[in-house]
Each structure stands twice: as C-alpha cells, then as structure tokens.
Amino acid sequence: MKILLATDGSRQSQAAIEMLKRFKLSDGDEVKIISVVDMAVPMAIDIYGGYLPDTTEMEKSAREHAAKILDEACQRLGDMCSGDNVTVTSDILFGSPESRVVETAEELGADLILVGSHGYSRWERLLLGSVSSSVVHHAPCSVLVVRVPPAPE
C-alpha cells in the first residue's frame, strides 16, 4: 500500500499521523510525507505598492519550518515502523497545497491520501478555502480526512 500523508504541522496534521499509527502496515508498504509551502504573494502588492518584495528570506524561513515539520513527522512514523520493512520518505514542495497534494498522489500511485481537517466554519471555508475538501474532490485515490475536536476556548 502506498500512503501519502500531507502535513502542515498543525494539531490536525498531528491527528492524521496518530490515525496512521492505527493502520496495519506491512513489509513493502510506503508512506510519503509531504509539506507544501505556498509562497503566493498577493497581487495587490505589485498593483498598489509598485514593487514586489524580496521573498528570499521568507522562502528560506518557510523551507526551514517545513523541514522541521517533516523531520518530526518522520521521526514519529519511524518509531512506529521500526522493525517493519516500511519505507518512509519525505519531501518539501512549493505551490498550491491543493494541487501539489493531488499531483504527488498521482506521481506516487498512492492508494490513500491522509490529511487533517482544520474544521473551518462555512464562512472560514469561503474566505480561506479548504485544502482537504479540494483534495477529496480531485484525488486519484481514496482520501481519509481526520478531524479533531474543537479546542476549548
């Protein structure tokens, strides 16, 4: 079985990792963990500001943050898979999270995509979009969306 786990380091992504620990993985199974960095710059900056900011530092910081997230996820899964012949790989990708997750699943030939849901309200989904919803609607394979209870306020 080939599983693609998309993580952004949030507690919802941590719940997805915990869910994966419940799977019975066996010899020859593969888990690829990805973190997608979205470096989209709002067009209003160019139109109204007259310049595009240098994003070198932002990209470096985002890449370091994504690497840390992937290291932690790989370590958690590595502990789970120790002794088994399960391959765990990771990759930092750049672009739109929705499309990069689907593209990577197609390239991998994934049997399952595992993502956490942020649990946005209807209005938040309208304003922010929903990566998990988009993945569900465009994925070439099954998708497991893991939800967590709302945080106490």
C-alpha atoms as a PDB file:
ATOM      1  CA  MET A   1       0.000   0.000   0.000  1.00  0.00           C
ATOM      2  CA  LYS A   2       1.229   3.499  -0.855  1.00  0.00           C
ATOM      3  CA  ILE A   3       0.094   6.239   1.503  1.00  0.00           C
ATOM      4  CA  LEU A   4       0.589   9.968   1.030  1.00  0.00           C
ATOM      5  CA  LEU A   5       0.464  11.987   4.258  1.00  0.00           C
ATOM      6  CA  ALA A   6       0.192  15.761   3.855  1.00  0.00           C
ATOM      7  CA  THR A   7       1.167  17.756   6.927  1.00  0.00           C
ATOM      8  CA  ASP A   8       1.467  21.406   7.888  1.00  0.00           C
ATOM      9  CA  GLY A   9       2.496  20.787  11.497  1.00  0.00           C
ATOM     10  CA  SER A  10      -0.899  21.755  12.898  1.00  0.00           C
ATOM     11  CA  ARG A  11      -2.655  19.729  15.572  1.00  0.00           C
ATOM     12  CA  GLN A  12      -4.962  18.472  12.807  1.00  0.00           C
ATOM     13  CA  SER A  13      -1.951  17.111  10.960  1.00  0.00           C
ATOM     14  CA  GLN A  14      -0.705  15.540  14.189  1.00  0.00           C
ATOM     15  CA  ALA A  15      -4.083  13.795  14.471  1.00  0.00           C
ATOM     16  CA  ALA A  16      -3.594  12.432  10.947  1.00  0.00           C
ATOM     17  CA  ILE A  17      -0.223  10.986  11.998  1.00  0.00           C
ATOM     18  CA  GLU A  18      -1.837   9.415  15.057  1.00  0.00           C
ATOM     19  CA  MET A  19      -4.525   7.922  12.810  1.00  0.00           C
ATOM     20  CA  LEU A  20      -1.851   6.426  10.556  1.00  0.00           C
ATOM     21  CA  LYS A  21      -0.381   4.706  13.613  1.00  0.00           C
ATOM     22  CA  ARG A  22      -3.610   2.681  13.802  1.00  0.00           C
ATOM     23  CA  PHE A  23      -3.041   1.215  10.328  1.00  0.00           C
ATOM     24  CA  LYS A  24      -1.583  -2.251   9.998  1.00  0.00           C
ATOM     25  CA  LEU A  25       1.382  -1.510   7.775  1.00  0.00           C
ATOM     26  CA  SER A  26       3.346  -4.444   6.447  1.00  0.00           C
ATOM     27  CA  ASP A  27       6.503  -5.230   4.505  1.00  0.00           C
ATOM     28  CA  GLY A  28       6.728  -3.334   1.250  1.00  0.00           C
ATOM     29  CA  ASP A  29       4.291  -0.569   2.218  1.00  0.00           C
ATOM     30  CA  GLU A  30       5.343   3.009   1.518  1.00  0.00           C
ATOM     31  CA  VAL A  31       4.499   6.227   3.337  1.00  0.00           C
ATOM     32  CA  LYS A  32       5.452   9.525   1.742  1.00  0.00           C
ATOM     33  CA  ILE A  33       5.114  12.588   3.940  1.00  0.00           C
ATOM     34  CA  ILE A  34       4.899  15.982   2.277  1.00  0.00           C
ATOM     35  CA  SER A  35       4.671  19.545   3.464  1.00  0.00           C
ATOM     36  CA  VAL A  36       3.666  22.148   0.897  1.00  0.00           C
ATOM     37  CA  VAL A  37       4.947  25.709   1.141  1.00  0.00           C
ATOM     38  CA  ASP A  38       2.627  28.214  -0.519  1.00  0.00           C
ATOM     39  CA  MET A  39       4.680  31.272  -1.456  1.00  0.00           C
ATOM     40  CA  ALA A  40       1.890  33.084  -3.300  1.00  0.00           C
ATOM     41  CA  VAL A  41       2.317  36.851  -2.973  1.00  0.00           C
ATOM     42  CA  PRO A  42      -0.862  38.919  -3.086  1.00  0.00           C
ATOM     43  CA  MET A  43      -1.140  40.734  -6.411  1.00  0.00           C
ATOM     44  CA  ALA A  44      -2.259  43.909  -4.618  1.00  0.00           C
ATOM     45  CA  ILE A  45       1.336  44.495  -3.510  1.00  0.00           C
ATOM     46  CA  ASP A  46       2.503  44.922  -7.096  1.00  0.00           C
ATOM     47  CA  ILE A  47      -0.527  46.870  -8.256  1.00  0.00           C
ATOM     48  CA  TYR A  48      -0.718  49.332  -5.384  1.00  0.00           C
ATOM     49  CA  GLY A  49       2.777  49.252  -3.937  1.00  0.00           C
ATOM     50  CA  GLY A  50       4.719  49.475  -7.153  1.00  0.00           C
ATOM     51  CA  TYR A  51       7.206  46.773  -6.117  1.00  0.00           C
ATOM     52  CA  LEU A  52       7.413  43.107  -5.336  1.00  0.00           C
ATOM     53  CA  PRO A  53       9.180  42.382  -2.059  1.00  0.00           C
ATOM     54  CA  ASP A  54      12.239  40.150  -1.950  1.00  0.00           C
ATOM     55  CA  THR A  55      10.892  36.813  -0.785  1.00  0.00           C
ATOM     56  CA  THR A  56      14.278  35.122  -0.325  1.00  0.00           C
ATOM     57  CA  GLU A  57      14.172  35.326   3.473  1.00  0.00           C
ATOM     58  CA  MET A  58      10.510  34.309   3.625  1.00  0.00           C
ATOM     59  CA  GLU A  59      11.205  31.297   1.408  1.00  0.00           C
ATOM     60  CA  LYS A  60      14.235  30.289   3.482  1.00  0.00           C
ATOM     61  CA  SER A  61      12.219  30.544   6.690  1.00  0.00           C
ATOM     62  CA  ALA A  62       9.288  28.625   5.185  1.00  0.00           C
ATOM     63  CA  ARG A  63      11.619  25.887   3.917  1.00  0.00           C
ATOM     64  CA  GLU A  64      13.283  25.549   7.348  1.00  0.00           C
ATOM     65  CA  HIS A  65       9.882  25.384   9.051  1.00  0.00           C
ATOM     66  CA  ALA A  66       8.659  22.722   6.598  1.00  0.00           C
ATOM     67  CA  ALA A  67      11.872  20.716   7.093  1.00  0.00           C
ATOM     68  CA  LYS A  68      11.342  20.770  10.868  1.00  0.00           C
ATOM     69  CA  ILE A  69       7.725  19.610  10.437  1.00  0.00           C
ATOM     70  CA  LEU A  70       8.819  16.759   8.168  1.00  0.00           C
ATOM     71  CA  ASP A  71      11.645  15.700  10.493  1.00  0.00           C
ATOM     72  CA  GLU A  72       9.225  15.462  13.421  1.00  0.00           C
ATOM     73  CA  ALA A  73       6.645  13.545  11.378  1.00  0.00           C
ATOM     74  CA  CYS A  74       9.274  11.141  10.010  1.00  0.00           C
ATOM     75  CA  GLN A  75      10.610  10.522  13.491  1.00  0.00           C
ATOM     76  CA  ARG A  76       7.126   9.771  14.849  1.00  0.00           C
ATOM     77  CA  LEU A  77       6.388   7.397  11.987  1.00  0.00           C
ATOM     78  CA  GLY A  78       9.878   5.924  12.040  1.00  0.00           C
ATOM     79  CA  ASP A  79       9.374   4.914  15.662  1.00  0.00           C
ATOM     80  CA  MET A  80       6.083   3.290  14.691  1.00  0.00           C
ATOM     81  CA  CYS A  81       7.560   1.403  11.731  1.00  0.00           C
ATOM     82  CA  SER A  82      10.831   0.299  13.336  1.00  0.00           C
ATOM     83  CA  GLY A  83      11.391  -3.370  12.692  1.00  0.00           C
ATOM     84  CA  ASP A  84       8.983  -3.416   9.737  1.00  0.00           C
ATOM     85  CA  ASN A  85      10.112  -3.125   6.140  1.00  0.00           C
ATOM     86  CA  VAL A  86       8.032   0.044   5.596  1.00  0.00           C
ATOM     87  CA  THR A  87       9.612   2.804   3.547  1.00  0.00           C
ATOM     88  CA  VAL A  88       9.069   6.317   4.928  1.00  0.00           C
ATOM     89  CA  THR A  89      10.160   9.235   2.736  1.00  0.00           C
ATOM     90  CA  SER A  90       9.502  12.958   2.873  1.00  0.00           C
ATOM     91  CA  ASP A  91       9.565  15.957   0.577  1.00  0.00           C
ATOM     92  CA  ILE A  92       9.081  19.720   0.766  1.00  0.00           C
ATOM     93  CA  LEU A  93       7.018  21.005  -2.144  1.00  0.00           C
ATOM     94  CA  PHE A  94       6.247  24.527  -3.290  1.00  0.00           C
ATOM     95  CA  GLY A  95       2.990  25.761  -4.768  1.00  0.00           C
ATOM     96  CA  SER A  96      -0.706  25.464  -4.098  1.00  0.00           C
ATOM     97  CA  PRO A  97      -1.249  22.819  -1.393  1.00  0.00           C
ATOM     98  CA  GLU A  98      -4.445  21.552  -3.028  1.00  0.00           C
ATOM     99  CA  SER A  99      -2.854  20.882  -6.400  1.00  0.00           C
ATOM    100  CA  ARG A 100       0.524  19.690  -5.123  1.00  0.00           C
ATOM    101  CA  VAL A 101      -1.071  17.036  -2.891  1.00  0.00           C
ATOM    102  CA  VAL A 102      -3.145  15.685  -5.792  1.00  0.00           C
ATOM    103  CA  GLU A 103      -0.203  15.817  -8.231  1.00  0.00           C
ATOM    104  CA  THR A 104       2.065  13.992  -5.789  1.00  0.00           C
ATOM    105  CA  ALA A 105      -0.571  11.293  -5.211  1.00  0.00           C
ATOM    106  CA  GLU A 106      -0.802  10.771  -8.970  1.00  0.00           C
ATOM    107  CA  GLU A 107       3.007  10.597  -9.352  1.00  0.00           C
ATOM    108  CA  LEU A 108       3.332   8.200  -6.413  1.00  0.00           C
ATOM    109  CA  GLY A 109       0.459   5.991  -7.498  1.00  0.00           C
ATOM    110  CA  ALA A 110      -0.934   6.423  -3.998  1.00  0.00           C
ATOM    111  CA  ASP A 111      -3.660   4.135  -2.694  1.00  0.00           C
ATOM    112  CA  LEU A 112      -4.598   6.597   0.056  1.00  0.00           C
ATOM    113  CA  ILE A 113      -4.133  10.271   0.891  1.00  0.00           C
ATOM    114  CA  LEU A 114      -4.249  11.162   4.575  1.00  0.00           C
ATOM    115  CA  VAL A 115      -4.908  14.786   5.607  1.00  0.00           C
ATOM    116  CA  GLY A 116      -6.098  16.633   8.669  1.00  0.00           C
ATOM    117  CA  SER A 117      -9.113  18.906   8.572  1.00  0.00           C
ATOM    118  CA  HIS A 118      -8.924  22.326  10.170  1.00  0.00           C
ATOM    119  CA  GLY A 119     -12.670  22.207  10.772  1.00  0.00           C
ATOM    120  CA  TYR A 120     -13.400  25.631   9.343  1.00  0.00           C
ATOM    121  CA  SER A 121     -16.893  27.034   9.585  1.00  0.00           C
ATOM    122  CA  ARG A 122     -18.835  27.720   6.391  1.00  0.00           C
ATOM    123  CA  TRP A 123     -17.611  31.335   6.329  1.00  0.00           C
ATOM    124  CA  GLU A 124     -13.992  30.431   7.027  1.00  0.00           C
ATOM    125  CA  ARG A 125     -14.076  27.883   4.197  1.00  0.00           C
ATOM    126  CA  LEU A 126     -15.483  30.563   1.903  1.00  0.00           C
ATOM    127  CA  LEU A 127     -12.724  33.036   2.802  1.00  0.00           C
ATOM    128  CA  LEU A 128      -9.781  30.671   3.292  1.00  0.00           C
ATOM    129  CA  GLY A 129     -10.704  27.683   1.168  1.00  0.00           C
ATOM    130  CA  SER A 130     -10.383  24.103   2.256  1.00  0.00           C
ATOM    131  CA  VAL A 131      -7.378  22.052   1.211  1.00  0.00           C
ATOM    132  CA  SER A 132      -8.947  18.793   2.407  1.00  0.00           C
ATOM    133  CA  SER A 133     -12.183  19.452   0.512  1.00  0.00           C
ATOM    134  CA  SER A 134     -10.335  20.205  -2.702  1.00  0.00           C
ATOM    135  CA  VAL A 135      -8.177  17.099  -2.309  1.00  0.00           C
ATOM    136  CA  VAL A 136     -11.265  14.932  -1.737  1.00  0.00           C
ATOM    137  CA  HIS A 137     -12.853  16.237  -4.932  1.00  0.00           C
ATOM    138  CA  HIS A 138      -9.772  15.925  -7.163  1.00  0.00           C
ATOM    139  CA  ALA A 139      -7.770  12.997  -5.757  1.00  0.00           C
ATOM    140  CA  PRO A 140      -6.998   9.956  -7.919  1.00  0.00           C
ATOM    141  CA  CYS A 141      -7.446   7.645  -4.911  1.00  0.00           C
ATOM    142  CA  SER A 142      -9.200   7.318  -1.581  1.00  0.00           C
ATOM    143  CA  VAL A 143      -8.804  10.176   0.907  1.00  0.00           C
ATOM    144  CA  LEU A 144      -9.052   9.975   4.672  1.00  0.00           C
ATOM    145  CA  VAL A 145      -9.768  13.339   6.285  1.00  0.00           C
ATOM    146  CA  VAL A 146      -9.021  13.268  10.001  1.00  0.00           C
ATOM    147  CA  ARG A 147     -10.943  15.640  12.251  1.00  0.00           C
ATOM    148  CA  VAL A 148     -10.131  16.644  15.790  1.00  0.00           C
ATOM    149  CA  PRO A 149     -12.495  18.027  18.401  1.00  0.00           C
ATOM    150  CA  PRO A 150     -12.548  21.838  18.599  1.00  0.00           C
ATOM    151  CA  ALA A 151     -10.050  23.331  21.012  1.00  0.00           C
ATOM    152  CA  PRO A 152     -11.583  24.600  24.239  1.00  0.00           C
ATOM    153  CA  GLU A 153     -11.919  28.369  24.292  1.00  0.00           C
END
